[in-house]
Amino acid sequence: MLTARNVTKKYAAFTVVNDVSLSVAKGEIVSIVGPSGAGKSTLLHLLGGLDKPDSGSVLIDNTDILLLPPKKQARFRNAHIGFVFQFHHLLPEFSAIENVCVPLWIKGEGKKEAIEKAKEMLGVVGLAGRTEHKPSELSGGEQQRVAIARALVTRPSVIMADEPTGNLDSENAHLVHKLFLQLRDQFGQTFIMITHNDALAQMTDRILTMQDGKIVSSKDKVKAAHI
C-alpha cells in the first residue's frame, strides 16, 4: 500500500534521513522507534507528503506523491492520508463534531453529509455523547480521540501518527492503543506511527528501529531481522 525507495533528506551538511526504503501493507500497523534525533519525525513527514526529500520516491496506492503538483498533492493528502500528532491541534472554537468535519469540508462535501460521517466516526471512537462539546470541555484522552476521528473521517489509505500517546496518562494511552487495534480490525486501517511507548510498539505488527537517519532493524511478531 505504501512504498518508499531510497528516501534522503539533508539540512545543510547534516543528513537527517539517509537512503531509507520500506514497504507497508494494507491493514498493517508499523511503529518506528529510536532515540531522539534519529530522524523518525522527519521520515514520517516525508512519507506523508508534509515535507519533500532531496531524493527518493514515496508511493501510496501506486501514486508517487512527490511527483504531484502542490495543489494535487494537497488534495491527495486530504483524501488518502490522515495525521495524528502528540498535540491534538483541535480548533478551540469548534465543537468535536465540527473539528471532525474539517477534512470533509476541505474536500468539498456538503454540510449535512459531513456531519453524518463525523457523527458516525465519533461513535466509532467512543464519543457519541460528546459531539457538541468544545475541546476545553473534553479530557486529554477525549481530545486525542476527536483528533483520531478527524484523521479517520475521510477513510484514508494510511494514518501517520507522531507520538499519539505522548501527551496522555497511562490509562488513556492504553485506550488509544486498543482503539488503533480496533480500527485496524474494523476498517483494515493502516497505521505508521512514531512512539517512545514500548507497550504501544509491542502491540504493533512490526517495529522499525531508526538510528542516525537509517532503519537499522525490523522486528515483527514472528521473527526479528536486521536490514
C-alpha atoms as a PDB file:
ATOM      1  CA  MET A   1       0.000   0.000   0.000  1.00  0.00           C
ATOM      2  CA  LEU A   2       2.929   2.328   0.768  1.00  0.00           C
ATOM      3  CA  THR A   3       6.422   2.007  -0.677  1.00  0.00           C
ATOM      4  CA  ALA A   4       9.325   4.378  -0.043  1.00  0.00           C
ATOM      5  CA  ARG A   5      12.525   3.981  -2.033  1.00  0.00           C
ATOM      6  CA  ASN A   6      15.917   5.494  -1.177  1.00  0.00           C
ATOM      7  CA  VAL A   7      14.476   8.498   0.647  1.00  0.00           C
ATOM      8  CA  THR A   8      17.096  11.003   1.758  1.00  0.00           C
ATOM      9  CA  LYS A   9      16.711  14.377   3.471  1.00  0.00           C
ATOM     10  CA  LYS A  10      19.522  16.761   4.392  1.00  0.00           C
ATOM     11  CA  TYR A  11      19.579  20.016   6.314  1.00  0.00           C
ATOM     12  CA  ALA A  12      22.772  21.863   5.349  1.00  0.00           C
ATOM     13  CA  ALA A  13      25.540  19.276   5.798  1.00  0.00           C
ATOM     14  CA  PHE A  14      23.509  17.095   8.181  1.00  0.00           C
ATOM     15  CA  THR A  15      21.739  14.033   6.738  1.00  0.00           C
ATOM     16  CA  VAL A  16      18.546  13.534   8.789  1.00  0.00           C
ATOM     17  CA  VAL A  17      17.077  10.656   6.741  1.00  0.00           C
ATOM     18  CA  ASN A  18      19.698   8.568   4.978  1.00  0.00           C
ATOM     19  CA  ASP A  19      18.647   6.416   1.983  1.00  0.00           C
ATOM     20  CA  VAL A  20      15.616   4.823   3.674  1.00  0.00           C
ATOM     21  CA  SER A  21      13.489   2.240   1.858  1.00  0.00           C
ATOM     22  CA  LEU A  22      10.448   0.485   3.319  1.00  0.00           C
ATOM     23  CA  SER A  23       7.108  -1.055   2.394  1.00  0.00           C
ATOM     24  CA  VAL A  24       3.895  -1.170   4.405  1.00  0.00           C
ATOM     25  CA  ALA A  25       0.988  -3.492   3.596  1.00  0.00           C
ATOM     26  CA  LYS A  26      -2.693  -2.576   3.801  1.00  0.00           C
ATOM     27  CA  GLY A  27      -4.023  -3.159   7.305  1.00  0.00           C
ATOM     28  CA  GLU A  28      -0.548  -3.264   8.851  1.00  0.00           C
ATOM     29  CA  ILE A  29       0.351  -1.325  11.989  1.00  0.00           C
ATOM     30  CA  VAL A  30       4.017  -0.308  11.912  1.00  0.00           C
ATOM     31  CA  SER A  31       5.796   1.522  14.712  1.00  0.00           C
ATOM     32  CA  ILE A  32       9.023   3.482  14.316  1.00  0.00           C
ATOM     33  CA  VAL A  33      11.214   3.721  17.401  1.00  0.00           C
ATOM     34  CA  GLY A  34      14.666   5.021  18.187  1.00  0.00           C
ATOM     35  CA  PRO A  35      16.482   7.753  20.123  1.00  0.00           C
ATOM     36  CA  SER A  36      15.652  11.431  19.801  1.00  0.00           C
ATOM     37  CA  GLY A  37      17.322  12.896  16.720  1.00  0.00           C
ATOM     38  CA  ALA A  38      17.278   9.586  14.834  1.00  0.00           C
ATOM     39  CA  GLY A  39      15.155  11.076  12.045  1.00  0.00           C
ATOM     40  CA  LYS A  40      11.798   9.478  12.925  1.00  0.00           C
ATOM     41  CA  SER A  41       9.555  12.551  12.660  1.00  0.00           C
ATOM     42  CA  THR A  42      11.317  13.765   9.523  1.00  0.00           C
ATOM     43  CA  LEU A  43      10.771  10.370   7.894  1.00  0.00           C
ATOM     44  CA  LEU A  44       7.091  10.401   8.843  1.00  0.00           C
ATOM     45  CA  HIS A  45       6.680  13.884   7.357  1.00  0.00           C
ATOM     46  CA  LEU A  46       8.350  12.718   4.143  1.00  0.00           C
ATOM     47  CA  LEU A  47       6.114   9.634   3.927  1.00  0.00           C
ATOM     48  CA  GLY A  48       3.045  11.805   4.459  1.00  0.00           C
ATOM     49  CA  GLY A  49       3.995  14.459   1.930  1.00  0.00           C
ATOM     50  CA  LEU A  50       4.370  17.182   4.563  1.00  0.00           C
ATOM     51  CA  ASP A  51       7.993  17.658   3.519  1.00  0.00           C
ATOM     52  CA  LYS A  52       9.937  16.897   0.350  1.00  0.00           C
ATOM     53  CA  PRO A  53      13.051  14.695   0.314  1.00  0.00           C
ATOM     54  CA  ASP A  54      16.215  15.596  -1.523  1.00  0.00           C
ATOM     55  CA  SER A  55      15.992  12.266  -3.343  1.00  0.00           C
ATOM     56  CA  GLY A  56      13.869   9.123  -3.430  1.00  0.00           C
ATOM     57  CA  SER A  57      10.213   8.304  -4.022  1.00  0.00           C
ATOM     58  CA  VAL A  58       7.098   7.665  -1.928  1.00  0.00           C
ATOM     59  CA  LEU A  59       4.223   5.705  -3.475  1.00  0.00           C
ATOM     60  CA  ILE A  60       0.826   5.444  -1.808  1.00  0.00           C
ATOM     61  CA  ASP A  61      -1.783   3.336  -3.612  1.00  0.00           C
ATOM     62  CA  ASN A  62       0.608   3.313  -6.605  1.00  0.00           C
ATOM     63  CA  THR A  63       0.716   7.127  -6.771  1.00  0.00           C
ATOM     64  CA  ASP A  64       4.099   8.812  -6.396  1.00  0.00           C
ATOM     65  CA  ILE A  65       3.014  11.685  -4.187  1.00  0.00           C
ATOM     66  CA  LEU A  66       6.278  13.557  -4.723  1.00  0.00           C
ATOM     67  CA  LEU A  67       5.588  13.921  -8.446  1.00  0.00           C
ATOM     68  CA  LEU A  68       2.211  15.591  -7.922  1.00  0.00           C
ATOM     69  CA  PRO A  69       1.919  19.384  -8.313  1.00  0.00           C
ATOM     70  CA  PRO A  70       1.364  21.143  -4.960  1.00  0.00           C
ATOM     71  CA  LYS A  71      -2.440  21.508  -5.273  1.00  0.00           C
ATOM     72  CA  LYS A  72      -2.930  17.903  -6.405  1.00  0.00           C
ATOM     73  CA  GLN A  73      -0.616  16.714  -3.649  1.00  0.00           C
ATOM     74  CA  ALA A  74      -2.689  18.613  -1.069  1.00  0.00           C
ATOM     75  CA  ARG A  75      -5.903  17.042  -2.413  1.00  0.00           C
ATOM     76  CA  PHE A  76      -4.316  13.581  -2.387  1.00  0.00           C
ATOM     77  CA  ARG A  77      -3.092  14.084   1.178  1.00  0.00           C
ATOM     78  CA  ASN A  78      -6.551  15.215   2.280  1.00  0.00           C
ATOM     79  CA  ALA A  79      -8.230  12.152   0.755  1.00  0.00           C
ATOM     80  CA  HIS A  80      -5.661   9.419   1.378  1.00  0.00           C
ATOM     81  CA  ILE A  81      -3.569  10.317   4.446  1.00  0.00           C
ATOM     82  CA  GLY A  82      -4.723  11.001   7.997  1.00  0.00           C
ATOM     83  CA  PHE A  83      -2.459  12.632  10.592  1.00  0.00           C
ATOM     84  CA  VAL A  84      -2.459  12.312  14.380  1.00  0.00           C
ATOM     85  CA  PHE A  85       0.113  14.242  16.404  1.00  0.00           C
ATOM     86  CA  GLN A  86       1.161  14.313  20.054  1.00  0.00           C
ATOM     87  CA  PHE A  87      -0.790  17.544  20.470  1.00  0.00           C
ATOM     88  CA  HIS A  88      -4.281  17.231  19.063  1.00  0.00           C
ATOM     89  CA  HIS A  89      -4.380  20.604  17.224  1.00  0.00           C
ATOM     90  CA  LEU A  90      -8.164  20.922  17.573  1.00  0.00           C
ATOM     91  CA  LEU A  91      -9.789  24.248  16.754  1.00  0.00           C
ATOM     92  CA  PRO A  92     -10.856  25.600  20.196  1.00  0.00           C
ATOM     93  CA  GLU A  93     -13.905  27.492  18.916  1.00  0.00           C
ATOM     94  CA  PHE A  94     -15.295  24.401  17.128  1.00  0.00           C
ATOM     95  CA  SER A  95     -17.275  21.576  18.704  1.00  0.00           C
ATOM     96  CA  ALA A  96     -15.985  17.998  18.494  1.00  0.00           C
ATOM     97  CA  ILE A  97     -18.209  17.223  15.517  1.00  0.00           C
ATOM     98  CA  GLU A  98     -17.166  20.421  13.720  1.00  0.00           C
ATOM     99  CA  ASN A  99     -13.481  19.579  14.244  1.00  0.00           C
ATOM    100  CA  VAL A 100     -14.036  16.150  12.715  1.00  0.00           C
ATOM    101  CA  CYS A 101     -15.915  17.723   9.780  1.00  0.00           C
ATOM    102  CA  VAL A 102     -12.976  19.958   8.783  1.00  0.00           C
ATOM    103  CA  PRO A 103     -11.222  17.490   6.396  1.00  0.00           C
ATOM    104  CA  LEU A 104     -14.564  16.747   4.732  1.00  0.00           C
ATOM    105  CA  TRP A 105     -15.346  20.448   4.279  1.00  0.00           C
ATOM    106  CA  ILE A 106     -11.883  20.975   2.796  1.00  0.00           C
ATOM    107  CA  LYS A 107     -12.665  18.084   0.452  1.00  0.00           C
ATOM    108  CA  GLY A 108     -15.824  19.899  -0.641  1.00  0.00           C
ATOM    109  CA  GLU A 109     -18.509  17.697   0.915  1.00  0.00           C
ATOM    110  CA  GLY A 110     -21.853  19.217   1.868  1.00  0.00           C
ATOM    111  CA  LYS A 111     -22.593  20.168   5.466  1.00  0.00           C
ATOM    112  CA  LYS A 112     -25.276  17.531   6.092  1.00  0.00           C
ATOM    113  CA  GLU A 113     -23.240  14.659   4.640  1.00  0.00           C
ATOM    114  CA  ALA A 114     -20.113  15.764   6.504  1.00  0.00           C
ATOM    115  CA  ILE A 115     -21.943  15.943   9.824  1.00  0.00           C
ATOM    116  CA  GLU A 116     -23.377  12.441   9.359  1.00  0.00           C
ATOM    117  CA  LYS A 117     -19.932  10.996   8.622  1.00  0.00           C
ATOM    118  CA  ALA A 118     -18.362  12.890  11.546  1.00  0.00           C
ATOM    119  CA  LYS A 119     -21.090  11.696  13.908  1.00  0.00           C
ATOM    120  CA  GLU A 120     -20.527   8.100  12.811  1.00  0.00           C
ATOM    121  CA  MET A 121     -16.770   8.358  13.338  1.00  0.00           C
ATOM    122  CA  LEU A 122     -17.133   9.951  16.766  1.00  0.00           C
ATOM    123  CA  GLY A 123     -19.316   6.963  17.657  1.00  0.00           C
ATOM    124  CA  VAL A 124     -16.573   4.611  16.472  1.00  0.00           C
ATOM    125  CA  VAL A 125     -14.023   6.226  18.820  1.00  0.00           C
ATOM    126  CA  GLY A 126     -16.470   6.162  21.754  1.00  0.00           C
ATOM    127  CA  LEU A 127     -17.555   9.809  21.799  1.00  0.00           C
ATOM    128  CA  ALA A 128     -21.139   9.582  20.584  1.00  0.00           C
ATOM    129  CA  GLY A 129     -22.317  11.540  23.614  1.00  0.00           C
ATOM    130  CA  ARG A 130     -19.722  14.311  23.311  1.00  0.00           C
ATOM    131  CA  THR A 131     -20.305  15.580  19.770  1.00  0.00           C
ATOM    132  CA  GLU A 132     -21.279  19.146  20.748  1.00  0.00           C
ATOM    133  CA  HIS A 133     -18.556  19.631  23.358  1.00  0.00           C
ATOM    134  CA  LYS A 134     -15.695  22.008  22.624  1.00  0.00           C
ATOM    135  CA  PRO A 135     -12.098  20.916  23.260  1.00  0.00           C
ATOM    136  CA  SER A 136     -11.941  22.813  26.564  1.00  0.00           C
ATOM    137  CA  GLU A 137     -14.860  20.671  27.789  1.00  0.00           C
ATOM    138  CA  LEU A 138     -13.113  17.381  26.964  1.00  0.00           C
ATOM    139  CA  SER A 139     -10.393  15.446  28.772  1.00  0.00           C
ATOM    140  CA  GLY A 140      -6.978  14.986  27.186  1.00  0.00           C
ATOM    141  CA  GLY A 141      -7.851  11.435  26.145  1.00  0.00           C
ATOM    142  CA  GLU A 142     -11.157  12.574  24.636  1.00  0.00           C
ATOM    143  CA  GLN A 143      -9.431  15.365  22.713  1.00  0.00           C
ATOM    144  CA  GLN A 144      -6.995  12.860  21.221  1.00  0.00           C
ATOM    145  CA  ARG A 145      -9.880  10.579  20.230  1.00  0.00           C
ATOM    146  CA  VAL A 146     -11.502  13.539  18.449  1.00  0.00           C
ATOM    147  CA  ALA A 147      -8.195  14.037  16.609  1.00  0.00           C
ATOM    148  CA  ILE A 148      -8.185  10.343  15.671  1.00  0.00           C
ATOM    149  CA  ALA A 149     -11.784  10.583  14.420  1.00  0.00           C
ATOM    150  CA  ARG A 150     -10.773  13.626  12.347  1.00  0.00           C
ATOM    151  CA  ALA A 151      -7.892  11.659  10.818  1.00  0.00           C
ATOM    152  CA  LEU A 152     -10.200   8.730  10.028  1.00  0.00           C
ATOM    153  CA  VAL A 153     -13.249  10.540   8.697  1.00  0.00           C
ATOM    154  CA  THR A 154     -12.114  10.592   5.053  1.00  0.00           C
ATOM    155  CA  ARG A 155     -11.366   6.841   5.290  1.00  0.00           C
ATOM    156  CA  PRO A 156      -7.711   7.424   4.356  1.00  0.00           C
ATOM    157  CA  SER A 157      -5.378   4.773   2.981  1.00  0.00           C
ATOM    158  CA  VAL A 158      -2.955   5.324   5.862  1.00  0.00           C
ATOM    159  CA  ILE A 159      -2.785   7.184   9.153  1.00  0.00           C
ATOM    160  CA  MET A 160       0.542   8.751  10.134  1.00  0.00           C
ATOM    161  CA  ALA A 161       0.769   9.146  13.914  1.00  0.00           C
ATOM    162  CA  ASP A 162       3.610  11.046  15.600  1.00  0.00           C
ATOM    163  CA  GLU A 163       3.758  10.196  19.321  1.00  0.00           C
ATOM    164  CA  PRO A 164      -0.059   9.794  19.502  1.00  0.00           C
ATOM    165  CA  THR A 165       0.018   8.905  23.217  1.00  0.00           C
ATOM    166  CA  GLY A 166       2.976  11.081  24.209  1.00  0.00           C
ATOM    167  CA  ASN A 167       0.763  13.637  25.949  1.00  0.00           C
ATOM    168  CA  LEU A 168      -1.571  11.165  27.688  1.00  0.00           C
ATOM    169  CA  ASP A 169      -1.530   9.388  31.038  1.00  0.00           C
ATOM    170  CA  SER A 170      -1.075   5.612  31.074  1.00  0.00           C
ATOM    171  CA  GLU A 171      -4.804   4.820  31.241  1.00  0.00           C
ATOM    172  CA  ASN A 172      -5.709   6.995  28.249  1.00  0.00           C
ATOM    173  CA  ALA A 173      -2.626   5.815  26.359  1.00  0.00           C
ATOM    174  CA  HIS A 174      -3.820   2.220  26.786  1.00  0.00           C
ATOM    175  CA  LEU A 175      -7.273   3.174  25.474  1.00  0.00           C
ATOM    176  CA  VAL A 176      -5.696   4.716  22.365  1.00  0.00           C
ATOM    177  CA  HIS A 177      -3.580   1.570  21.877  1.00  0.00           C
ATOM    178  CA  LYS A 178      -6.717  -0.582  21.949  1.00  0.00           C
ATOM    179  CA  LEU A 179      -8.518   1.836  19.636  1.00  0.00           C
ATOM    180  CA  PHE A 180      -5.830   1.552  16.953  1.00  0.00           C
ATOM    181  CA  LEU A 181      -6.135  -2.240  17.010  1.00  0.00           C
ATOM    182  CA  GLN A 182      -9.925  -1.989  16.845  1.00  0.00           C
ATOM    183  CA  LEU A 183      -9.735   0.346  13.848  1.00  0.00           C
ATOM    184  CA  ARG A 184      -7.355  -1.991  12.063  1.00  0.00           C
ATOM    185  CA  ASP A 185      -9.720  -4.920  12.658  1.00  0.00           C
ATOM    186  CA  GLN A 186     -12.894  -2.943  11.845  1.00  0.00           C
ATOM    187  CA  PHE A 187     -11.743  -0.967   8.796  1.00  0.00           C
ATOM    188  CA  GLY A 188      -8.499  -2.642   7.714  1.00  0.00           C
ATOM    189  CA  GLN A 189      -6.867   0.656   8.614  1.00  0.00           C
ATOM    190  CA  THR A 190      -3.123   1.035   8.028  1.00  0.00           C
ATOM    191  CA  PHE A 191      -1.036   2.899  10.632  1.00  0.00           C
ATOM    192  CA  ILE A 192       2.544   4.145  10.635  1.00  0.00           C
ATOM    193  CA  MET A 193       3.425   5.636  13.990  1.00  0.00           C
ATOM    194  CA  ILE A 194       6.337   7.024  15.922  1.00  0.00           C
ATOM    195  CA  THR A 195       6.358   6.166  19.585  1.00  0.00           C
ATOM    196  CA  HIS A 196       8.577   6.104  22.641  1.00  0.00           C
ATOM    197  CA  ASN A 197       5.919   3.992  24.384  1.00  0.00           C
ATOM    198  CA  ASP A 198       7.278   0.452  24.451  1.00  0.00           C
ATOM    199  CA  ALA A 199       3.869  -1.051  25.297  1.00  0.00           C
ATOM    200  CA  LEU A 200       2.344   0.537  22.181  1.00  0.00           C
ATOM    201  CA  ALA A 201       5.264  -0.542  19.999  1.00  0.00           C
ATOM    202  CA  GLN A 202       4.964  -4.134  21.214  1.00  0.00           C
ATOM    203  CA  MET A 203       1.285  -4.203  20.186  1.00  0.00           C
ATOM    204  CA  THR A 204       2.082  -3.314  16.564  1.00  0.00           C
ATOM    205  CA  ASP A 205       2.686  -5.777  13.733  1.00  0.00           C
ATOM    206  CA  ARG A 206       6.217  -4.555  13.047  1.00  0.00           C
ATOM    207  CA  ILE A 207       8.770  -2.402  14.859  1.00  0.00           C
ATOM    208  CA  LEU A 208      11.278  -0.417  12.796  1.00  0.00           C
ATOM    209  CA  THR A 209      14.232   0.979  14.714  1.00  0.00           C
ATOM    210  CA  MET A 210      15.929   4.129  13.427  1.00  0.00           C
ATOM    211  CA  GLN A 211      19.388   5.360  14.295  1.00  0.00           C
ATOM    212  CA  ASP A 212      21.390   8.155  12.669  1.00  0.00           C
ATOM    213  CA  GLY A 213      18.843   8.565   9.871  1.00  0.00           C
ATOM    214  CA  LYS A 214      18.710   4.892   8.898  1.00  0.00           C
ATOM    215  CA  ILE A 215      16.403   1.970   9.658  1.00  0.00           C
ATOM    216  CA  VAL A 216      18.793  -0.390  11.417  1.00  0.00           C
ATOM    217  CA  SER A 217      16.405  -3.206  12.331  1.00  0.00           C
ATOM    218  CA  SER A 218      12.929  -4.547  11.596  1.00  0.00           C
ATOM    219  CA  LYS A 219      11.155  -6.816  14.059  1.00  0.00           C
ATOM    220  CA  ASP A 220       7.709  -8.364  13.593  1.00  0.00           C
ATOM    221  CA  LYS A 221       5.640 -10.603  15.841  1.00  0.00           C
ATOM    222  CA  VAL A 222       7.071 -13.748  14.312  1.00  0.00           C
ATOM    223  CA  LYS A 223      10.747 -13.061  13.838  1.00  0.00           C
ATOM    224  CA  ALA A 224      13.438 -10.415  14.083  1.00  0.00           C
ATOM    225  CA  ALA A 225      15.642  -9.460  11.171  1.00  0.00           C
ATOM    226  CA  HIS A 226      18.379  -6.892  10.678  1.00  0.00           C
ATOM    227  CA  ILE A 227      18.394  -4.911   7.426  1.00  0.00           C
END
